[in-house]
């Protein structure tokens, strides 16, 4: 019996691996289906985006395998180095980055564009897990626990805010606050933070006309259907057209230049159009299963640090998933969030899969089989 338990502990969570690979496979099909008109028209290659996605996916799987063999406790020792790398990447992005949709999000390195915020998000989770773990007995105290923790969170979020990337900043803030809560913070402290956070967002939105415009359009997209409301309206048309079972894989009409960013920011809408409500429900179920495995690993991790890292990475995926779906259904203003593992995006897929390797390494030492 003891040998069986030892063998189990050395095996990573294969159910999580299966879920991630299914999501990745769904992504390959949907990226091709939603992007081939754009690829053919702009690049003369209907599989242009699919090739990039498959390359990123395969490289990401390799990274996932590598990180699954790296002892996760090693990241604790590298916290200061990761923080320094984040600061350097953020400054380089501000100074040399490529701007798009009002934000400076990309760095061009050797002809390849990377999104430093994807690296910063994962590094922030790893560093803050170490921070919370070392102060877990002080987190309920106002100064030593709450104030110090909020300052640390603000420090990481500021690295993305200076890139004018408000949506990523909000996502990271939510994730780090979830970790803070799970680490033992008082609810009243988090409630206070939520109020202050909402107040802090107001001047950040008011400072830029395009952000105010997004909110105004979101409130009534059909009023601005010939202008800024076009994208949201086309997204709703796509979801509505799909009905229960969809038009069929590859048969979307909105992807033919009606819905901008169909293979990225609005890929969930194309899933709804081609695969219908059933297809959307299938994707939602996959993410629910992902949350279940992440929570199970976190609850049974051998130490508090491993538990917090798993909670952070799992929350990072789930918050981005919820934001993407909310944007596609016009529940919140457009933010430019990709659907994890599914939307086209090299850097995002690469580092998401690398972070999955970290969770898998934690799962090796977690007793995920106990009741």
Protein backbone atom coordinates (compact mmCIF):
# COMPACT_ATOMS: atom_id res chain seq x y z
CA UNK A 1 0.00 0.00 0.00
CA UNK A 2 2.81 2.35 0.86
CA UNK A 3 4.46 1.69 -2.50
CA UNK A 4 1.23 2.50 -4.31
CA UNK A 5 0.89 5.82 -2.47
CA UNK A 6 4.50 6.72 -3.20
CA UNK A 7 3.98 5.96 -6.87
CA UNK A 8 0.88 8.12 -6.95
CA UNK A 9 2.58 11.05 -5.34
CA UNK A 10 5.26 11.05 -8.01
CA UNK A 11 2.66 11.22 -10.78
CA UNK A 12 1.36 14.61 -11.87
CA UNK A 13 -2.37 15.29 -12.23
CA UNK A 14 -3.07 13.59 -15.56
CA UNK A 15 -6.69 14.77 -15.54
CA UNK A 16 -5.48 18.38 -15.54
CA UNK A 17 -3.09 17.58 -18.40
CA UNK A 18 -5.99 16.08 -20.37
CA UNK A 19 -8.21 19.14 -19.77
CA UNK A 20 -5.46 21.56 -20.85
CA UNK A 21 -4.68 19.56 -24.00
CA UNK A 22 -8.39 19.43 -24.93
CA UNK A 23 -8.64 23.22 -24.52
CA UNK A 24 -5.52 23.63 -26.65
CA UNK A 25 -6.96 21.35 -29.34
CA UNK A 26 -10.23 23.29 -29.34
CA UNK A 27 -8.09 26.40 -29.76
CA UNK A 28 -6.35 24.99 -32.85
CA UNK A 29 -9.68 24.20 -34.54
CA UNK A 30 -11.26 27.53 -33.65
CA UNK A 31 -8.22 29.66 -34.51
CA UNK A 32 -8.12 28.08 -37.96
CA UNK A 33 -11.87 28.38 -38.46
CA UNK A 34 -12.04 32.02 -37.32
CA UNK A 35 -8.81 33.28 -38.91
CA UNK A 36 -8.51 31.77 -42.37
CA UNK A 37 -10.30 34.65 -44.16
CA UNK A 38 -7.99 37.17 -42.47
CA UNK A 39 -4.91 35.01 -43.08
CA UNK A 40 -5.70 34.54 -46.76
CA UNK A 41 -6.62 38.18 -47.41
CA UNK A 42 -3.76 39.83 -45.49
CA UNK A 43 -0.97 37.23 -45.73
CA UNK A 44 -1.91 35.07 -48.70
CA UNK A 45 -1.96 32.04 -46.40
CA UNK A 46 -5.22 30.71 -44.97
CA UNK A 47 -3.38 28.80 -42.23
CA UNK A 48 -1.09 31.69 -41.28
CA UNK A 49 -2.54 32.10 -37.77
CA UNK A 50 -3.00 28.36 -37.27
CA UNK A 51 0.70 27.73 -37.94
CA UNK A 52 1.68 30.35 -35.38
CA UNK A 53 -0.76 28.90 -32.85
CA UNK A 54 0.45 25.32 -33.36
CA UNK A 55 4.09 26.41 -33.03
CA UNK A 56 3.30 28.32 -29.83
CA UNK A 57 1.28 25.36 -28.55
CA UNK A 58 4.04 22.81 -29.20
CA UNK A 59 6.68 25.09 -27.68
CA UNK A 60 4.34 25.65 -24.73
CA UNK A 61 3.84 21.91 -24.21
CA UNK A 62 7.62 21.49 -24.17
CA UNK A 63 7.87 24.27 -21.59
CA UNK A 64 5.08 22.65 -19.57
CA UNK A 65 7.00 19.37 -19.50
CA UNK A 66 10.21 21.14 -18.45
CA UNK A 67 8.58 23.21 -15.69
CA UNK A 68 6.72 20.14 -14.41
CA UNK A 69 10.13 18.68 -13.50
CA UNK A 70 11.49 21.84 -11.84
CA UNK A 71 10.86 21.75 -8.05
CA UNK A 72 8.39 24.57 -7.43
CA UNK A 73 10.16 25.57 -4.20
CA UNK A 74 12.99 26.85 -6.41
CA UNK A 75 10.84 29.84 -7.41
CA UNK A 76 10.88 31.05 -3.80
CA UNK A 77 14.64 31.49 -4.01
CA UNK A 78 14.30 33.39 -7.29
CA UNK A 79 11.69 35.91 -6.09
CA UNK A 80 14.06 38.89 -6.06
CA UNK A 81 15.46 37.99 -9.48
CA UNK A 82 11.93 37.64 -10.91
CA UNK A 83 11.00 41.02 -9.47
CA UNK A 84 14.04 42.64 -11.08
CA UNK A 85 13.22 41.00 -14.44
CA UNK A 86 9.64 42.31 -14.21
CA UNK A 87 10.83 45.87 -13.58
CA UNK A 88 13.27 45.71 -16.50
CA UNK A 89 10.65 44.24 -18.87
CA UNK A 90 8.10 46.85 -17.87
CA UNK A 91 10.51 49.73 -18.42
CA UNK A 92 11.64 48.32 -21.78
CA UNK A 93 8.00 47.99 -22.85
CA UNK A 94 7.28 51.61 -21.95
CA UNK A 95 10.41 52.90 -23.69
CA UNK A 96 10.62 50.59 -26.71
CA UNK A 97 7.25 48.85 -26.87
CA UNK A 98 4.77 48.71 -29.72
CA UNK A 99 1.47 50.47 -29.02
CA UNK A 100 -1.93 49.05 -29.88
CA UNK A 101 -5.50 49.88 -28.78
CA UNK A 102 -4.23 52.63 -26.50
CA UNK A 103 -1.75 50.43 -24.63
CA UNK A 104 1.95 49.69 -25.02
CA UNK A 105 1.79 45.90 -24.76
CA UNK A 106 4.41 44.37 -27.03
CA UNK A 107 8.17 44.22 -27.28
CA UNK A 108 9.88 43.30 -30.53
CA UNK A 109 12.87 41.02 -29.90
CA UNK A 110 14.72 39.58 -32.91
CA UNK A 111 11.64 40.17 -35.05
CA UNK A 112 9.38 38.31 -32.61
CA UNK A 113 6.72 40.18 -30.63
CA UNK A 114 6.32 39.21 -26.98
CA UNK A 115 3.86 40.48 -24.40
CA UNK A 116 5.81 41.18 -21.18
CA UNK A 117 2.61 41.48 -19.14
CA UNK A 118 2.09 37.72 -19.55
CA UNK A 119 5.44 37.11 -17.86
CA UNK A 120 4.79 39.74 -15.19
CA UNK A 121 1.43 38.17 -14.24
CA UNK A 122 2.95 34.74 -13.56
CA UNK A 123 5.98 36.22 -11.79
CA UNK A 124 3.64 38.30 -9.61
CA UNK A 125 1.75 35.17 -8.56
CA UNK A 126 4.99 33.35 -7.66
CA UNK A 127 6.45 36.30 -5.76
CA UNK A 128 3.26 37.20 -3.90
CA UNK A 129 2.73 33.56 -2.89
CA UNK A 130 6.13 33.69 -1.20
CA UNK A 131 5.29 37.09 0.32
CA UNK A 132 1.98 35.88 1.79
CA UNK A 133 3.45 32.61 3.01
CA UNK A 134 6.21 34.34 4.95
CA UNK A 135 3.69 36.71 6.57
CA UNK A 136 0.73 34.35 7.01
CA UNK A 137 0.66 34.88 10.78
CA UNK A 138 0.58 38.67 10.37
CA UNK A 139 -1.95 39.06 7.54
CA UNK A 140 -4.84 39.88 9.87
CA UNK A 141 -2.91 42.81 11.33
CA UNK A 142 -3.67 46.18 9.76
CA UNK A 143 -0.16 47.56 9.19
CA UNK A 144 2.11 44.50 9.05
CA UNK A 145 -0.47 42.43 7.20
CA UNK A 146 -2.92 44.54 5.23
CA UNK A 147 -0.92 47.69 4.43
CA UNK A 148 2.31 45.86 3.53
CA UNK A 149 0.41 43.37 1.36
CA UNK A 150 -1.52 46.07 -0.49
CA UNK A 151 1.69 48.00 -1.15
CA UNK A 152 3.28 44.85 -2.59
CA UNK A 153 0.22 44.20 -4.78
CA UNK A 154 0.15 47.82 -5.97
CA UNK A 155 3.85 47.54 -6.82
CA UNK A 156 3.27 44.67 -9.25
CA UNK A 157 0.11 46.19 -10.71
CA UNK A 158 1.95 49.49 -11.27
CA UNK A 159 4.39 47.66 -13.57
CA UNK A 160 1.46 47.03 -15.93
CA UNK A 161 -0.38 50.32 -15.37
CA UNK A 162 2.62 52.27 -16.68
CA UNK A 163 2.17 50.31 -19.92
CA UNK A 164 -1.34 51.89 -20.12
CA UNK A 165 -2.82 48.39 -19.97
CA UNK A 166 -5.74 48.92 -17.59
CA UNK A 167 -7.58 45.65 -18.28
CA UNK A 168 -4.55 43.49 -17.46
CA UNK A 169 -3.94 45.60 -14.35
CA UNK A 170 -7.49 44.93 -13.15
CA UNK A 171 -7.19 41.19 -13.88
CA UNK A 172 -3.91 40.95 -11.95
CA UNK A 173 -5.35 42.95 -9.04
CA UNK A 174 -8.32 40.57 -8.75
CA UNK A 175 -6.04 37.51 -8.86
CA UNK A 176 -3.66 38.83 -6.20
CA UNK A 177 -6.59 39.82 -3.96
CA UNK A 178 -7.99 36.29 -4.29
CA UNK A 179 -4.61 34.97 -3.17
CA UNK A 180 -4.56 37.49 -0.30
CA UNK A 181 -8.00 36.33 0.82
CA UNK A 182 -7.03 32.64 0.65
CA UNK A 183 -3.84 33.41 2.58
CA UNK A 184 -5.94 34.60 5.53
CA UNK A 185 -6.72 38.30 5.03
CA UNK A 186 -9.71 39.79 6.83
CA UNK A 187 -12.83 40.19 4.70
CA UNK A 188 -13.35 43.76 5.92
CA UNK A 189 -9.86 44.67 4.68
CA UNK A 190 -10.60 43.23 1.23
CA UNK A 191 -13.98 44.98 1.14
CA UNK A 192 -12.23 48.28 1.89
CA UNK A 193 -9.69 47.53 -0.84
CA UNK A 194 -12.46 46.83 -3.37
CA UNK A 195 -14.05 50.22 -2.66
CA UNK A 196 -10.72 52.06 -2.88
CA UNK A 197 -9.83 50.12 -6.04
CA UNK A 198 -13.05 51.16 -7.76
CA UNK A 199 -12.40 54.78 -6.81
CA UNK A 200 -8.84 54.53 -8.13
CA UNK A 201 -10.05 53.21 -11.50
CA UNK A 202 -12.29 56.26 -12.10
CA UNK A 203 -9.45 58.76 -12.78
CA UNK A 204 -7.59 56.13 -14.84
CA UNK A 205 -10.65 55.78 -17.06
CA UNK A 206 -11.47 59.50 -17.14
CA UNK A 207 -7.90 60.35 -18.14
CA UNK A 208 -8.30 58.81 -21.60
CA UNK A 209 -11.17 59.64 -23.95
CA UNK A 210 -11.11 56.22 -25.64
CA UNK A 211 -11.82 54.49 -22.31
CA UNK A 212 -14.82 56.72 -21.62
CA UNK A 213 -15.97 56.07 -25.17
CA UNK A 214 -15.84 52.29 -24.60
CA UNK A 215 -18.09 52.57 -21.56
CA UNK A 216 -20.57 54.84 -23.36
CA UNK A 217 -20.71 52.46 -26.34
CA UNK A 218 -21.08 49.44 -24.03
CA UNK A 219 -24.19 50.96 -22.44
CA UNK A 220 -25.97 51.04 -25.82
CA UNK A 221 -23.89 49.43 -28.61
CA UNK A 222 -26.80 49.43 -31.09
CA UNK A 223 -26.91 53.23 -30.91
CA UNK A 224 -23.35 53.30 -32.27
CA UNK A 225 -23.72 50.32 -34.60
CA UNK A 226 -22.07 52.09 -37.55
CA UNK A 227 -19.10 53.17 -35.44
CA UNK A 228 -17.56 52.07 -32.17
CA UNK A 229 -20.48 49.79 -31.33
CA UNK A 230 -19.97 47.67 -34.45
CA UNK A 231 -17.74 45.04 -32.80
CA UNK A 232 -20.05 44.42 -29.83
CA UNK A 233 -23.14 44.23 -32.03
CA UNK A 234 -21.48 41.76 -34.41
CA UNK A 235 -20.42 39.66 -31.43
CA UNK A 236 -24.04 39.49 -30.25
CA UNK A 237 -25.19 38.68 -33.79
CA UNK A 238 -22.71 35.79 -33.89
CA UNK A 239 -23.94 34.34 -30.60
CA UNK A 240 -27.58 34.82 -31.56
CA UNK A 241 -27.15 33.27 -35.01
CA UNK A 242 -25.62 30.11 -33.55
CA UNK A 243 -28.74 29.15 -31.64
CA UNK A 244 -28.66 25.82 -29.83
CA UNK A 245 -26.43 23.74 -32.12
CA UNK A 246 -24.65 26.36 -34.25
CA UNK A 247 -24.21 26.77 -38.00
CA UNK A 248 -21.52 24.08 -38.08
CA UNK A 249 -17.74 24.11 -37.68
CA UNK A 250 -16.18 26.46 -40.23
CA UNK A 251 -19.52 27.97 -41.29
CA UNK A 252 -19.36 31.28 -39.42
CA UNK A 253 -20.38 34.35 -41.39
CA UNK A 254 -19.22 36.97 -38.89
CA UNK A 255 -15.55 35.99 -39.32
CA UNK A 256 -15.64 37.30 -42.89
CA UNK A 257 -14.52 40.75 -41.70
CA UNK A 258 -17.77 41.57 -39.89
CA UNK A 259 -16.34 40.81 -36.46
CA UNK A 260 -12.84 42.31 -35.87
CA UNK A 261 -10.42 40.17 -33.79
CA UNK A 262 -12.64 37.13 -34.36
CA UNK A 263 -9.74 34.76 -33.70
CA UNK A 264 -8.60 36.55 -30.56
CA UNK A 265 -10.68 38.88 -28.38
CA UNK A 266 -14.01 37.52 -29.69
CA UNK A 267 -13.29 33.87 -30.41
CA UNK A 268 -15.98 32.81 -27.92
CA UNK A 269 -18.52 34.54 -30.17
CA UNK A 270 -17.36 32.44 -33.14
CA UNK A 271 -17.62 29.30 -31.00
CA UNK A 272 -21.20 30.31 -30.26
CA UNK A 273 -21.96 30.96 -33.92
CA UNK A 274 -20.45 27.74 -35.26
CA UNK A 275 -21.08 25.32 -32.38
CA UNK A 276 -24.06 27.03 -30.75
CA UNK A 277 -25.06 27.11 -27.11
CA UNK A 278 -23.96 23.47 -26.77
CA UNK A 279 -20.45 24.35 -27.95
CA UNK A 280 -20.23 27.33 -25.59
CA UNK A 281 -21.48 25.15 -22.74
CA UNK A 282 -18.83 22.56 -23.56
CA UNK A 283 -16.07 25.18 -23.28
CA UNK A 284 -17.53 26.47 -20.00
CA UNK A 285 -17.61 22.91 -18.61
CA UNK A 286 -13.93 22.44 -19.53
CA UNK A 287 -13.01 25.55 -17.54
CA UNK A 288 -15.15 24.39 -14.61
CA UNK A 289 -13.27 21.07 -14.66
CA UNK A 290 -10.02 23.03 -14.82
CA UNK A 291 -11.09 24.99 -11.73
CA UNK A 292 -11.98 21.74 -9.95
CA UNK A 293 -8.56 20.20 -10.56
CA UNK A 294 -6.76 23.41 -9.61
CA UNK A 295 -8.73 23.71 -6.38
CA UNK A 296 -8.14 20.04 -5.56
CA UNK A 297 -4.38 20.40 -6.02
CA UNK A 298 -4.32 23.63 -4.00
CA UNK A 299 -6.23 22.08 -1.09
CA UNK A 300 -3.89 19.09 -0.94
CA UNK A 301 -0.54 20.75 -1.68
CA UNK A 302 2.18 19.71 0.73
CA UNK A 303 2.85 23.30 1.83
CA UNK A 304 1.13 26.69 1.98
CA UNK A 305 3.35 28.20 -0.72
CA UNK A 306 2.40 25.49 -3.22
CA UNK A 307 -1.25 25.98 -2.35
CA UNK A 308 -1.08 29.75 -2.96
CA UNK A 309 0.80 29.35 -6.24
CA UNK A 310 -1.85 26.92 -7.50
CA UNK A 311 -4.66 29.23 -6.40
CA UNK A 312 -2.97 32.18 -8.12
CA UNK A 313 -2.35 30.46 -11.46
CA UNK A 314 -5.79 28.83 -11.48
CA UNK A 315 -7.42 32.19 -10.69
CA UNK A 316 -5.38 33.86 -13.43
CA UNK A 317 -6.85 31.49 -16.02
CA UNK A 318 -10.40 31.65 -14.67
CA UNK A 319 -10.57 35.44 -14.29
CA UNK A 320 -9.37 35.90 -17.88
CA UNK A 321 -11.92 33.31 -19.04
CA UNK A 322 -14.76 35.11 -17.24
CA UNK A 323 -13.70 38.51 -18.59
CA UNK A 324 -13.47 37.19 -22.16
CA UNK A 325 -16.95 35.62 -22.01
CA UNK A 326 -18.38 38.75 -20.35
CA UNK A 327 -17.00 40.93 -23.16
CA UNK A 328 -18.28 38.58 -25.89
CA UNK A 329 -21.78 38.66 -24.36
CA UNK A 330 -21.63 42.45 -23.85
CA UNK A 331 -21.82 42.07 -20.07
CA UNK A 332 -18.84 44.38 -19.53
CA UNK A 333 -17.06 46.95 -21.76
CA UNK A 334 -14.55 45.57 -24.30
CA UNK A 335 -11.16 44.96 -22.68
CA UNK A 336 -9.10 42.99 -25.19
CA UNK A 337 -8.79 39.79 -23.10
CA UNK A 338 -7.93 36.53 -24.86
CA UNK A 339 -9.70 33.25 -24.06
CA UNK A 340 -7.00 31.18 -22.27
CA UNK A 341 -5.54 28.30 -24.35
CA UNK A 342 -8.02 28.95 -27.17
CA UNK A 343 -7.52 32.49 -28.57
CA UNK A 344 -4.69 33.15 -31.00
CA UNK A 345 -1.67 34.49 -29.14
CA UNK A 346 1.88 33.19 -29.00
CA UNK A 347 3.12 34.70 -25.74
CA UNK A 348 -0.13 34.00 -23.91
CA UNK A 349 -0.26 30.32 -24.89
CA UNK A 350 3.45 29.84 -24.25
CA UNK A 351 3.49 31.18 -20.70
CA UNK A 352 0.09 29.77 -19.76
CA UNK A 353 1.35 26.29 -20.60
CA UNK A 354 4.59 26.95 -18.74
CA UNK A 355 2.56 27.92 -15.68
CA UNK A 356 0.57 24.68 -16.03
CA UNK A 357 3.87 22.85 -15.61
CA UNK A 358 4.34 24.60 -12.27
CA UNK A 359 0.92 23.38 -11.09
CA UNK A 360 1.72 19.87 -12.32
CA UNK A 361 4.94 19.87 -10.30
CA UNK A 362 2.97 20.88 -7.22
CA UNK A 363 0.45 18.12 -7.94
CA UNK A 364 3.23 15.51 -7.81
CA UNK A 365 3.70 16.14 -4.11
CA UNK A 366 0.01 16.77 -3.39
CA UNK A 367 -2.08 13.89 -2.10
CA UNK A 368 -4.89 14.51 -4.60
CA UNK A 369 -6.30 11.03 -4.06
CA UNK A 370 -7.32 11.45 -0.44
CA UNK A 371 -10.94 12.27 0.44
